[in-house]
Amino acid sequence: MPSLSQRLRAFLSSPQGQRVIEQGRRQLAKPENQHKLRSLLTKLQGRRR
């Protein structure tokens, strides 16, 4: 049975995985999503301390 990392690698190299990657890149290019991500990271970093 393939490990999780092997299955993930296979998915990401498939056409469906490439579509998901491209969709994620388009979403990350939007300034409002960048702001949401930065605020989430700040919030998560604050919890670790």
C-alpha atoms as a PDB file:
ATOM      1  CA  MET A   1       0.000   0.000   0.000  1.00  0.00           C
ATOM      2  CA  PRO A   2       1.464   3.377  -1.007  1.00  0.00           C
ATOM      3  CA  SER A   3       2.270   5.831   1.732  1.00  0.00           C
ATOM      4  CA  LEU A   4       0.415   9.101   2.062  1.00  0.00           C
ATOM      5  CA  SER A   5       3.302  11.055   0.542  1.00  0.00           C
ATOM      6  CA  GLN A   6       3.413   8.715  -2.461  1.00  0.00           C
ATOM      7  CA  ARG A   7      -0.330   9.062  -3.029  1.00  0.00           C
ATOM      8  CA  LEU A   8      -0.099  12.835  -2.678  1.00  0.00           C
ATOM      9  CA  ARG A   9       2.797  13.012  -5.142  1.00  0.00           C
ATOM     10  CA  ALA A  10       0.839  10.877  -7.633  1.00  0.00           C
ATOM     11  CA  PHE A  11      -2.238  13.087  -7.275  1.00  0.00           C
ATOM     12  CA  LEU A  12      -0.273  16.304  -7.748  1.00  0.00           C
ATOM     13  CA  SER A  13       1.322  14.995 -10.930  1.00  0.00           C
ATOM     14  CA  SER A  14      -2.060  13.943 -12.371  1.00  0.00           C
ATOM     15  CA  PRO A  15      -4.133  16.285 -14.575  1.00  0.00           C
ATOM     16  CA  GLN A  16      -6.658  16.747 -11.755  1.00  0.00           C
ATOM     17  CA  GLY A  17      -3.863  17.644  -9.341  1.00  0.00           C
ATOM     18  CA  GLN A  18      -2.451  20.155 -11.819  1.00  0.00           C
ATOM     19  CA  ARG A  19      -5.882  21.815 -12.033  1.00  0.00           C
ATOM     20  CA  VAL A  20      -6.026  22.070  -8.235  1.00  0.00           C
ATOM     21  CA  ILE A  21      -2.528  23.600  -8.131  1.00  0.00           C
ATOM     22  CA  GLU A  22      -3.417  26.159 -10.809  1.00  0.00           C
ATOM     23  CA  GLN A  23      -6.665  27.047  -9.048  1.00  0.00           C
ATOM     24  CA  GLY A  24      -4.748  27.597  -5.812  1.00  0.00           C
ATOM     25  CA  ARG A  25      -2.228  29.836  -7.564  1.00  0.00           C
ATOM     26  CA  ARG A  26      -5.013  31.963  -9.027  1.00  0.00           C
ATOM     27  CA  GLN A  27      -6.659  32.318  -5.624  1.00  0.00           C
ATOM     28  CA  LEU A  28      -3.366  33.275  -3.957  1.00  0.00           C
ATOM     29  CA  ALA A  29      -2.795  35.983  -6.561  1.00  0.00           C
ATOM     30  CA  LYS A  30      -5.832  37.873  -5.231  1.00  0.00           C
ATOM     31  CA  PRO A  31      -4.893  40.549  -2.660  1.00  0.00           C
ATOM     32  CA  GLU A  32      -7.887  39.847  -0.405  1.00  0.00           C
ATOM     33  CA  ASN A  33      -6.878  36.193  -0.090  1.00  0.00           C
ATOM     34  CA  GLN A  34      -3.276  37.166   0.651  1.00  0.00           C
ATOM     35  CA  HIS A  35      -4.538  39.389   3.466  1.00  0.00           C
ATOM     36  CA  LYS A  36      -6.701  36.576   4.891  1.00  0.00           C
ATOM     37  CA  LEU A  37      -3.776  34.164   4.777  1.00  0.00           C
ATOM     38  CA  ARG A  38      -1.401  36.605   6.470  1.00  0.00           C
ATOM     39  CA  SER A  39      -3.893  37.282   9.259  1.00  0.00           C
ATOM     40  CA  LEU A  40      -4.439  33.547   9.759  1.00  0.00           C
ATOM     41  CA  LEU A  41      -0.688  32.932   9.977  1.00  0.00           C
ATOM     42  CA  THR A  42      -0.300  35.762  12.482  1.00  0.00           C
ATOM     43  CA  LYS A  43      -3.123  34.322  14.562  1.00  0.00           C
ATOM     44  CA  LEU A  44      -1.622  30.824  14.503  1.00  0.00           C
ATOM     45  CA  GLN A  45       1.861  32.079  15.363  1.00  0.00           C
ATOM     46  CA  GLY A  46       0.448  33.957  18.345  1.00  0.00           C
ATOM     47  CA  ARG A  47      -1.076  30.760  19.745  1.00  0.00           C
ATOM     48  CA  ARG A  48       2.249  28.915  19.785  1.00  0.00           C
ATOM     49  CA  ARG A  49       3.908  31.351  22.152  1.00  0.00           C
END
